[in-house]
């Protein structure tokens, strides 16, 4: 199994979370909550993918 796409997604999800934390004062209040919820959902899915890849090693 090719994990390239999964690794790219994980890097981008954590990068989005870091950007949200670093620039939280500059984001308009109306967008802040929605973007934070989306970032949390993507980070949780990235954690799921990390755990899933450790529990089911690929056959490549």
N, C-alpha and C. Protein backbone atom coordinates (compact mmCIF):
# COMPACT_ATOMS: atom_id res chain seq x y z
N UNK A 1 0.84 -1.18 0.00
CA UNK A 1 0.00 0.00 0.00
C UNK A 1 0.89 1.24 0.00
N UNK A 2 0.50 2.21 -0.79
CA UNK A 2 1.26 3.45 -0.90
C UNK A 2 0.74 4.45 0.14
N UNK A 3 1.61 4.85 1.05
CA UNK A 3 1.22 5.74 2.14
C UNK A 3 1.53 7.21 1.85
N UNK A 4 1.90 7.52 0.63
CA UNK A 4 2.29 8.89 0.30
C UNK A 4 1.17 9.88 0.56
N UNK A 5 -0.03 9.56 0.09
CA UNK A 5 -1.17 10.46 0.28
C UNK A 5 -1.53 10.62 1.75
N UNK A 6 -1.42 9.55 2.51
CA UNK A 6 -1.74 9.61 3.93
C UNK A 6 -0.73 10.50 4.66
N UNK A 7 0.54 10.36 4.32
CA UNK A 7 1.57 11.18 4.97
C UNK A 7 1.38 12.65 4.63
N UNK A 8 1.05 12.94 3.38
CA UNK A 8 0.80 14.33 2.98
C UNK A 8 -0.40 14.89 3.74
N UNK A 9 -1.47 14.11 3.87
CA UNK A 9 -2.65 14.57 4.60
C UNK A 9 -2.32 14.84 6.06
N UNK A 10 -1.54 13.96 6.68
CA UNK A 10 -1.19 14.12 8.09
C UNK A 10 -0.37 15.40 8.29
N UNK A 11 0.59 15.62 7.42
CA UNK A 11 1.41 16.84 7.52
C UNK A 11 0.55 18.08 7.36
N UNK A 12 -0.34 18.07 6.38
CA UNK A 12 -1.20 19.24 6.16
C UNK A 12 -2.18 19.46 7.30
N UNK A 13 -2.72 18.39 7.87
CA UNK A 13 -3.66 18.55 8.98
C UNK A 13 -2.97 19.16 10.20
N UNK A 14 -1.78 18.68 10.52
CA UNK A 14 -1.06 19.25 11.66
C UNK A 14 -0.58 20.67 11.37
N UNK A 15 -0.23 20.94 10.11
CA UNK A 15 0.16 22.30 9.75
C UNK A 15 -1.01 23.26 9.90
N UNK A 16 -2.20 22.84 9.48
CA UNK A 16 -3.39 23.68 9.64
C UNK A 16 -3.65 23.96 11.12
N UNK A 17 -3.51 22.94 11.96
CA UNK A 17 -3.68 23.14 13.40
C UNK A 17 -2.67 24.12 13.96
N UNK A 18 -1.41 24.01 13.52
CA UNK A 18 -0.38 24.94 14.00
C UNK A 18 -0.65 26.36 13.54
N UNK A 19 -1.09 26.52 12.30
CA UNK A 19 -1.41 27.85 11.79
C UNK A 19 -2.58 28.44 12.55
N UNK A 20 -3.59 27.62 12.84
CA UNK A 20 -4.75 28.12 13.60
C UNK A 20 -4.32 28.60 14.98
N UNK A 21 -3.38 27.90 15.61
CA UNK A 21 -2.93 28.30 16.94
C UNK A 21 -2.08 29.57 16.86
N UNK A 22 -1.20 29.65 15.87
CA UNK A 22 -0.29 30.80 15.78
C UNK A 22 -1.01 32.09 15.41
N UNK A 23 -2.03 32.00 14.57
CA UNK A 23 -2.70 33.20 14.08
C UNK A 23 -4.13 33.33 14.59
N UNK A 24 -4.39 32.84 15.79
CA UNK A 24 -5.77 32.86 16.29
C UNK A 24 -6.30 34.27 16.52
N UNK A 25 -5.43 35.24 16.81
CA UNK A 25 -5.90 36.61 17.03
C UNK A 25 -6.23 37.32 15.72
N UNK A 26 -5.62 36.90 14.63
CA UNK A 26 -5.80 37.56 13.34
C UNK A 26 -6.99 37.01 12.55
N UNK A 27 -7.53 35.88 12.96
CA UNK A 27 -8.67 35.29 12.25
C UNK A 27 -9.95 35.96 12.75
N UNK A 28 -10.82 36.38 11.84
CA UNK A 28 -12.07 37.02 12.27
C UNK A 28 -12.91 36.09 13.15
N UNK A 29 -13.60 36.64 14.15
CA UNK A 29 -14.36 35.79 15.09
C UNK A 29 -15.42 34.92 14.41
N UNK A 30 -16.00 35.41 13.33
CA UNK A 30 -17.04 34.62 12.66
C UNK A 30 -16.46 33.36 12.02
N UNK A 31 -15.23 33.42 11.57
CA UNK A 31 -14.59 32.26 10.92
C UNK A 31 -13.86 31.37 11.90
N UNK A 32 -13.49 31.91 13.05
CA UNK A 32 -12.61 31.20 13.99
C UNK A 32 -13.20 29.87 14.44
N UNK A 33 -14.47 29.88 14.84
CA UNK A 33 -15.07 28.65 15.38
C UNK A 33 -15.18 27.56 14.31
N UNK A 34 -15.63 27.93 13.13
CA UNK A 34 -15.77 26.94 12.06
C UNK A 34 -14.45 26.37 11.61
N UNK A 35 -13.46 27.25 11.46
CA UNK A 35 -12.14 26.77 11.06
C UNK A 35 -11.51 25.91 12.14
N UNK A 36 -11.74 26.25 13.39
CA UNK A 36 -11.19 25.44 14.48
C UNK A 36 -11.84 24.06 14.51
N UNK A 37 -13.14 23.99 14.30
CA UNK A 37 -13.82 22.69 14.28
C UNK A 37 -13.34 21.83 13.12
N UNK A 38 -13.15 22.44 11.97
CA UNK A 38 -12.64 21.70 10.81
C UNK A 38 -11.22 21.21 11.08
N UNK A 39 -10.38 22.06 11.67
CA UNK A 39 -9.00 21.68 11.98
C UNK A 39 -8.97 20.52 12.99
N UNK A 40 -9.82 20.59 14.00
CA UNK A 40 -9.87 19.51 14.99
C UNK A 40 -10.32 18.21 14.34
N UNK A 41 -11.32 18.27 13.48
CA UNK A 41 -11.80 17.07 12.80
C UNK A 41 -10.71 16.47 11.92
N UNK A 42 -9.98 17.30 11.20
CA UNK A 42 -8.91 16.79 10.34
C UNK A 42 -7.77 16.20 11.17
N UNK A 43 -7.44 16.82 12.30
CA UNK A 43 -6.37 16.29 13.15
C UNK A 43 -6.79 14.97 13.78
N UNK A 44 -8.03 14.87 14.21
CA UNK A 44 -8.51 13.60 14.76
C UNK A 44 -8.48 12.49 13.70
N UNK A 45 -8.86 12.82 12.47
CA UNK A 45 -8.80 11.83 11.40
C UNK A 45 -7.35 11.46 11.09
N UNK A 46 -6.43 12.42 11.18
CA UNK A 46 -5.01 12.12 10.97
C UNK A 46 -4.50 11.17 12.06
N UNK A 47 -4.89 11.40 13.31
CA UNK A 47 -4.52 10.48 14.38
C UNK A 47 -5.08 9.08 14.13
N UNK A 48 -6.32 9.02 13.66
CA UNK A 48 -6.91 7.73 13.32
C UNK A 48 -6.10 7.03 12.24
N UNK A 49 -5.69 7.76 11.22
CA UNK A 49 -4.90 7.16 10.15
C UNK A 49 -3.54 6.68 10.65
N UNK A 50 -2.94 7.42 11.58
CA UNK A 50 -1.66 6.99 12.15
C UNK A 50 -1.82 5.69 12.91
N UNK A 51 -2.83 5.63 13.77
CA UNK A 51 -3.08 4.42 14.55
C UNK A 51 -3.44 3.26 13.64
N UNK A 52 -4.27 3.51 12.64
CA UNK A 52 -4.68 2.46 11.71
C UNK A 52 -3.48 1.91 10.94
N UNK A 53 -2.56 2.79 10.54
CA UNK A 53 -1.40 2.31 9.79
C UNK A 53 -0.46 1.51 10.68
N UNK A 54 -0.42 1.80 11.99
CA UNK A 54 0.41 0.99 12.90
C UNK A 54 -0.24 -0.36 13.18
N UNK A 55 -1.54 -0.40 13.27
CA UNK A 55 -2.23 -1.66 13.59
C UNK A 55 -2.35 -2.58 12.39
N UNK A 56 -2.40 -2.02 11.18
CA UNK A 56 -2.51 -2.82 9.95
C UNK A 56 -1.33 -2.52 9.04
N UNK A 57 -0.20 -3.17 9.29
CA UNK A 57 0.95 -2.89 8.44
C UNK A 57 0.67 -3.31 7.01
N UNK A 58 1.14 -2.52 6.07
CA UNK A 58 0.88 -2.77 4.66
C UNK A 58 1.65 -3.97 4.13
N UNK A 59 1.24 -4.44 3.00
CA UNK A 59 1.88 -5.61 2.40
C UNK A 59 2.83 -5.19 1.28
N UNK A 60 3.33 -3.94 1.32
CA UNK A 60 4.22 -3.49 0.25
C UNK A 60 5.66 -3.83 0.49
